[in-house]
Amino acid sequence: MEVWSAMSWTWRALRGHSVTFAALFACGILGLSVVAEFRHLLTRWHAPWYAWFIIPMLAIGYLAKKETQWMPEVETRRKWSRRLFVGSIVIALLLAKFGPSR
């Protein structure tokens, strides 16, 4: 099921309709799990287990809906989305090529 989720985020980022999903894709490809960070934060706050699922979904949904207010121009959102998407792939490839070997 995670493969379909990644494909959905990738498609939204490529179409340029969502900077939020492009940022999530970029963080994921660079090794930073935003949802895991939410879960660690909620664990430190002693939140119940169901909050680990609900709060990250609500926060990401909220950010995705509010980005039209923060970036009202569609072309600006598309540029940022595509730059985040392509830039994260380029950085990941450069890190793989020139980073320390295992």
N, C-alpha and C. Protein backbone atom coordinates (compact mmCIF):
# COMPACT_ATOMS: atom_id res chain seq x y z
N MET A 1 0.82 -1.19 0.00
CA MET A 1 0.00 0.00 0.00
C MET A 1 0.87 1.27 0.00
N GLU A 2 2.07 1.20 0.58
CA GLU A 2 2.93 2.37 0.63
C GLU A 2 3.40 2.77 -0.76
N VAL A 3 3.50 1.81 -1.65
CA VAL A 3 3.92 2.12 -3.02
C VAL A 3 2.90 3.03 -3.68
N TRP A 4 1.62 2.74 -3.49
CA TRP A 4 0.57 3.57 -4.08
C TRP A 4 0.57 4.96 -3.47
N SER A 5 0.85 5.04 -2.18
CA SER A 5 0.92 6.35 -1.52
C SER A 5 2.05 7.17 -2.11
N ALA A 6 3.20 6.56 -2.28
CA ALA A 6 4.34 7.28 -2.87
C ALA A 6 4.04 7.69 -4.30
N MET A 7 3.36 6.83 -5.05
CA MET A 7 3.00 7.16 -6.43
C MET A 7 2.04 8.34 -6.46
N SER A 8 1.09 8.38 -5.52
CA SER A 8 0.12 9.47 -5.47
C SER A 8 0.82 10.79 -5.16
N TRP A 9 1.73 10.79 -4.19
CA TRP A 9 2.46 12.01 -3.84
C TRP A 9 3.32 12.44 -5.00
N THR A 10 3.96 11.47 -5.67
CA THR A 10 4.80 11.79 -6.81
C THR A 10 3.97 12.43 -7.92
N TRP A 11 2.81 11.87 -8.19
CA TRP A 11 1.96 12.40 -9.24
C TRP A 11 1.49 13.81 -8.91
N ARG A 12 1.09 14.06 -7.67
CA ARG A 12 0.66 15.41 -7.29
C ARG A 12 1.80 16.41 -7.41
N ALA A 13 2.99 15.97 -7.02
CA ALA A 13 4.15 16.87 -7.11
C ALA A 13 4.51 17.16 -8.56
N LEU A 14 4.47 16.13 -9.41
CA LEU A 14 4.82 16.33 -10.82
C LEU A 14 3.81 17.20 -11.54
N ARG A 15 2.55 17.05 -11.23
CA ARG A 15 1.54 17.89 -11.86
C ARG A 15 1.69 19.33 -11.40
N GLY A 16 2.35 19.52 -10.25
CA GLY A 16 2.58 20.86 -9.76
C GLY A 16 1.42 21.47 -9.02
N HIS A 17 0.54 20.64 -8.52
CA HIS A 17 -0.62 21.16 -7.83
C HIS A 17 -0.43 21.26 -6.32
N SER A 18 0.61 20.65 -5.77
CA SER A 18 0.75 20.66 -4.33
C SER A 18 2.21 20.77 -3.90
N VAL A 19 2.53 21.88 -3.30
CA VAL A 19 3.87 22.08 -2.74
C VAL A 19 4.03 21.22 -1.49
N THR A 20 2.95 21.02 -0.76
CA THR A 20 3.00 20.20 0.46
C THR A 20 3.43 18.78 0.13
N PHE A 21 2.81 18.18 -0.86
CA PHE A 21 3.17 16.81 -1.22
C PHE A 21 4.55 16.74 -1.84
N ALA A 22 4.96 17.77 -2.55
CA ALA A 22 6.32 17.81 -3.10
C ALA A 22 7.34 17.88 -1.97
N ALA A 23 7.03 18.66 -0.94
CA ALA A 23 7.93 18.75 0.21
C ALA A 23 7.99 17.42 0.97
N LEU A 24 6.86 16.75 1.11
CA LEU A 24 6.85 15.43 1.76
C LEU A 24 7.65 14.42 0.95
N PHE A 25 7.50 14.47 -0.36
CA PHE A 25 8.27 13.59 -1.24
C PHE A 25 9.76 13.88 -1.09
N ALA A 26 10.13 15.17 -1.11
CA ALA A 26 11.53 15.55 -0.99
C ALA A 26 12.12 15.10 0.34
N CYS A 27 11.39 15.29 1.40
CA CYS A 27 11.87 14.84 2.72
C CYS A 27 12.02 13.33 2.75
N GLY A 28 11.06 12.63 2.18
CA GLY A 28 11.11 11.17 2.17
C GLY A 28 12.27 10.63 1.36
N ILE A 29 12.52 11.21 0.20
CA ILE A 29 13.61 10.71 -0.64
C ILE A 29 14.98 11.05 -0.05
N LEU A 30 15.03 12.10 0.76
CA LEU A 30 16.28 12.47 1.41
C LEU A 30 16.46 11.82 2.78
N GLY A 31 15.47 11.00 3.18
CA GLY A 31 15.63 10.20 4.39
C GLY A 31 15.03 10.79 5.64
N LEU A 32 14.21 11.80 5.53
CA LEU A 32 13.57 12.40 6.70
C LEU A 32 12.09 12.10 6.67
N SER A 33 11.62 11.34 7.64
CA SER A 33 10.20 11.00 7.69
C SER A 33 9.47 12.01 8.57
N VAL A 34 8.67 12.84 7.94
CA VAL A 34 7.93 13.87 8.67
C VAL A 34 6.90 13.24 9.60
N VAL A 35 6.23 12.19 9.13
CA VAL A 35 5.22 11.51 9.94
C VAL A 35 5.87 10.86 11.16
N ALA A 36 7.05 10.28 10.99
CA ALA A 36 7.75 9.67 12.13
C ALA A 36 8.13 10.74 13.16
N GLU A 37 8.51 11.91 12.69
CA GLU A 37 8.84 13.00 13.62
C GLU A 37 7.60 13.44 14.40
N PHE A 38 6.45 13.51 13.71
CA PHE A 38 5.19 13.80 14.41
C PHE A 38 4.94 12.75 15.49
N ARG A 39 5.13 11.49 15.16
CA ARG A 39 4.88 10.41 16.11
C ARG A 39 5.82 10.49 17.31
N HIS A 40 7.09 10.81 17.08
CA HIS A 40 8.03 10.95 18.19
C HIS A 40 7.62 12.12 19.10
N LEU A 41 7.20 13.21 18.48
CA LEU A 41 6.74 14.36 19.26
C LEU A 41 5.52 14.01 20.09
N LEU A 42 4.57 13.32 19.49
CA LEU A 42 3.35 12.93 20.21
C LEU A 42 3.66 11.92 21.31
N THR A 43 4.63 11.07 21.09
CA THR A 43 5.04 10.11 22.13
C THR A 43 5.63 10.85 23.33
N ARG A 44 6.45 11.85 23.06
CA ARG A 44 7.02 12.65 24.15
C ARG A 44 5.96 13.41 24.92
N TRP A 45 4.87 13.77 24.24
CA TRP A 45 3.77 14.48 24.89
C TRP A 45 2.77 13.52 25.53
N HIS A 46 3.06 12.20 25.48
CA HIS A 46 2.20 11.16 26.05
C HIS A 46 0.80 11.16 25.43
N ALA A 47 0.74 11.34 24.14
CA ALA A 47 -0.54 11.30 23.42
C ALA A 47 -0.96 9.84 23.25
N PRO A 48 -2.26 9.58 23.19
CA PRO A 48 -2.72 8.20 22.99
C PRO A 48 -2.33 7.68 21.61
N TRP A 49 -2.36 6.37 21.43
CA TRP A 49 -1.89 5.74 20.20
C TRP A 49 -2.66 6.20 18.97
N TYR A 50 -3.95 6.44 19.10
CA TYR A 50 -4.74 6.83 17.92
C TYR A 50 -4.38 8.25 17.46
N ALA A 51 -3.82 9.06 18.32
CA ALA A 51 -3.38 10.40 17.92
C ALA A 51 -2.20 10.31 16.97
N TRP A 52 -1.42 9.22 17.06
CA TRP A 52 -0.28 9.04 16.16
C TRP A 52 -0.72 8.94 14.71
N PHE A 53 -1.94 8.46 14.48
CA PHE A 53 -2.46 8.33 13.12
C PHE A 53 -3.24 9.56 12.68
N ILE A 54 -4.03 10.09 13.59
CA ILE A 54 -4.96 11.16 13.23
C ILE A 54 -4.27 12.51 13.06
N ILE A 55 -3.43 12.89 13.99
CA ILE A 55 -2.84 14.23 13.99
C ILE A 55 -1.93 14.47 12.78
N PRO A 56 -1.04 13.53 12.40
CA PRO A 56 -0.25 13.79 11.19
C PRO A 56 -1.10 13.93 9.93
N MET A 57 -2.16 13.12 9.82
CA MET A 57 -3.04 13.24 8.65
C MET A 57 -3.74 14.59 8.63
N LEU A 58 -4.22 15.03 9.78
CA LEU A 58 -4.90 16.32 9.84
C LEU A 58 -3.94 17.47 9.56
N ALA A 59 -2.73 17.39 10.08
CA ALA A 59 -1.75 18.46 9.87
C ALA A 59 -1.35 18.56 8.40
N ILE A 60 -1.11 17.44 7.76
CA ILE A 60 -0.72 17.46 6.34
C ILE A 60 -1.89 17.93 5.49
N GLY A 61 -3.09 17.48 5.81
CA GLY A 61 -4.28 17.94 5.08
C GLY A 61 -4.51 19.42 5.25
N TYR A 62 -4.29 19.93 6.47
CA TYR A 62 -4.44 21.36 6.74
C TYR A 62 -3.44 22.18 5.92
N LEU A 63 -2.19 21.74 5.91
CA LEU A 63 -1.16 22.44 5.13
C LEU A 63 -1.47 22.42 3.64
N ALA A 64 -1.96 21.28 3.16
CA ALA A 64 -2.29 21.17 1.73
C ALA A 64 -3.44 22.11 1.35
N LYS A 65 -4.40 22.26 2.24
CA LYS A 65 -5.52 23.16 1.94
C LYS A 65 -5.14 24.63 2.06
N LYS A 66 -4.25 24.96 2.96
CA LYS A 66 -3.86 26.35 3.19
C LYS A 66 -2.84 26.87 2.20
N GLU A 67 -2.20 25.98 1.43
CA GLU A 67 -1.15 26.47 0.53
C GLU A 67 -1.71 27.36 -0.57
N THR A 68 -3.00 27.25 -0.90
CA THR A 68 -3.58 28.16 -1.89
C THR A 68 -3.68 29.58 -1.35
N GLN A 69 -3.76 29.72 -0.03
CA GLN A 69 -3.76 31.06 0.57
C GLN A 69 -2.35 31.61 0.68
N TRP A 70 -1.39 30.75 0.97
CA TRP A 70 -0.01 31.19 1.11
C TRP A 70 0.64 31.48 -0.23
N MET A 71 0.27 30.70 -1.23
CA MET A 71 0.78 30.90 -2.60
C MET A 71 -0.43 30.95 -3.53
N PRO A 72 -1.03 32.11 -3.69
CA PRO A 72 -2.27 32.17 -4.48
C PRO A 72 -2.07 31.93 -5.98
N GLU A 73 -0.89 32.19 -6.49
CA GLU A 73 -0.65 32.02 -7.92
C GLU A 73 -0.35 30.55 -8.24
N VAL A 74 -1.07 30.01 -9.19
CA VAL A 74 -0.91 28.61 -9.57
C VAL A 74 0.48 28.35 -10.15
N GLU A 75 0.96 29.26 -10.95
CA GLU A 75 2.28 29.07 -11.58
C GLU A 75 3.40 29.05 -10.54
N THR A 76 3.28 29.86 -9.52
CA THR A 76 4.29 29.87 -8.45
C THR A 76 4.30 28.53 -7.72
N ARG A 77 3.11 28.01 -7.43
CA ARG A 77 3.02 26.70 -6.76
C ARG A 77 3.61 25.61 -7.65
N ARG A 78 3.33 25.65 -8.93
CA ARG A 78 3.86 24.64 -9.84
C ARG A 78 5.38 24.69 -9.90
N LYS A 79 5.94 25.89 -9.96
CA LYS A 79 7.40 26.03 -10.00
C LYS A 79 8.03 25.46 -8.74
N TRP A 80 7.49 25.84 -7.58
CA TRP A 80 8.03 25.36 -6.31
C TRP A 80 7.90 23.85 -6.20
N SER A 81 6.76 23.34 -6.59
CA SER A 81 6.52 21.91 -6.51
C SER A 81 7.50 21.13 -7.37
N ARG A 82 7.66 21.56 -8.60
CA ARG A 82 8.57 20.86 -9.51
C ARG A 82 10.02 21.02 -9.10
N ARG A 83 10.37 22.18 -8.60
CA ARG A 83 11.76 22.39 -8.13
C ARG A 83 12.07 21.50 -6.93
N LEU A 84 11.13 21.40 -6.00
CA LEU A 84 11.34 20.52 -4.85
C LEU A 84 11.47 19.06 -5.30
N PHE A 85 10.61 18.66 -6.21
CA PHE A 85 10.62 17.28 -6.68
C PHE A 85 11.92 16.95 -7.40
N VAL A 86 12.27 17.72 -8.40
CA VAL A 86 13.47 17.44 -9.19
C VAL A 86 14.72 17.69 -8.36
N GLY A 87 14.72 18.74 -7.57
CA GLY A 87 15.89 19.05 -6.73
C GLY A 87 16.20 17.96 -5.74
N SER A 88 15.18 17.38 -5.14
CA SER A 88 15.42 16.30 -4.16
C SER A 88 15.99 15.06 -4.84
N ILE A 89 15.52 14.77 -6.04
CA ILE A 89 16.06 13.62 -6.78
C ILE A 89 17.52 13.88 -7.15
N VAL A 90 17.83 15.09 -7.60
CA VAL A 90 19.21 15.43 -7.97
C VAL A 90 20.12 15.35 -6.74
N ILE A 91 19.67 15.90 -5.63
CA ILE A 91 20.48 15.84 -4.40
C ILE A 91 20.69 14.41 -3.94
N ALA A 92 19.64 13.58 -4.01
CA ALA A 92 19.77 12.18 -3.62
C ALA A 92 20.77 11.45 -4.52
N LEU A 93 20.72 11.72 -5.82
CA LEU A 93 21.67 11.09 -6.73
C LEU A 93 23.10 11.56 -6.48
N LEU A 94 23.27 12.85 -6.21
CA LEU A 94 24.60 13.38 -5.90
C LEU A 94 25.13 12.80 -4.59
N LEU A 95 24.29 12.66 -3.60
CA LEU A 95 24.71 12.06 -2.34
C LEU A 95 25.09 10.60 -2.53
N ALA A 96 24.35 9.90 -3.36
CA ALA A 96 24.66 8.51 -3.62
C ALA A 96 25.99 8.37 -4.37
N LYS A 97 26.24 9.28 -5.29
CA LYS A 97 27.46 9.22 -6.08
C LYS A 97 28.70 9.65 -5.31
N PHE A 98 28.60 10.78 -4.60
CA PHE A 98 29.77 11.35 -3.95
C PHE A 98 29.81 11.18 -2.44
N GLY A 99 28.79 10.59 -1.89
CA GLY A 99 28.76 10.38 -0.44
C GLY A 99 29.69 9.26 -0.01
N PRO A 100 29.81 9.08 1.30
CA PRO A 100 30.69 8.02 1.78
C PRO A 100 30.15 6.64 1.40
N SER A 101 31.07 5.76 1.04
CA SER A 101 30.64 4.41 0.66
C SER A 101 30.41 3.58 1.93
N ARG A 102 29.60 2.56 1.77
CA ARG A 102 29.29 1.71 2.94
C ARG A 102 30.40 0.77 3.25
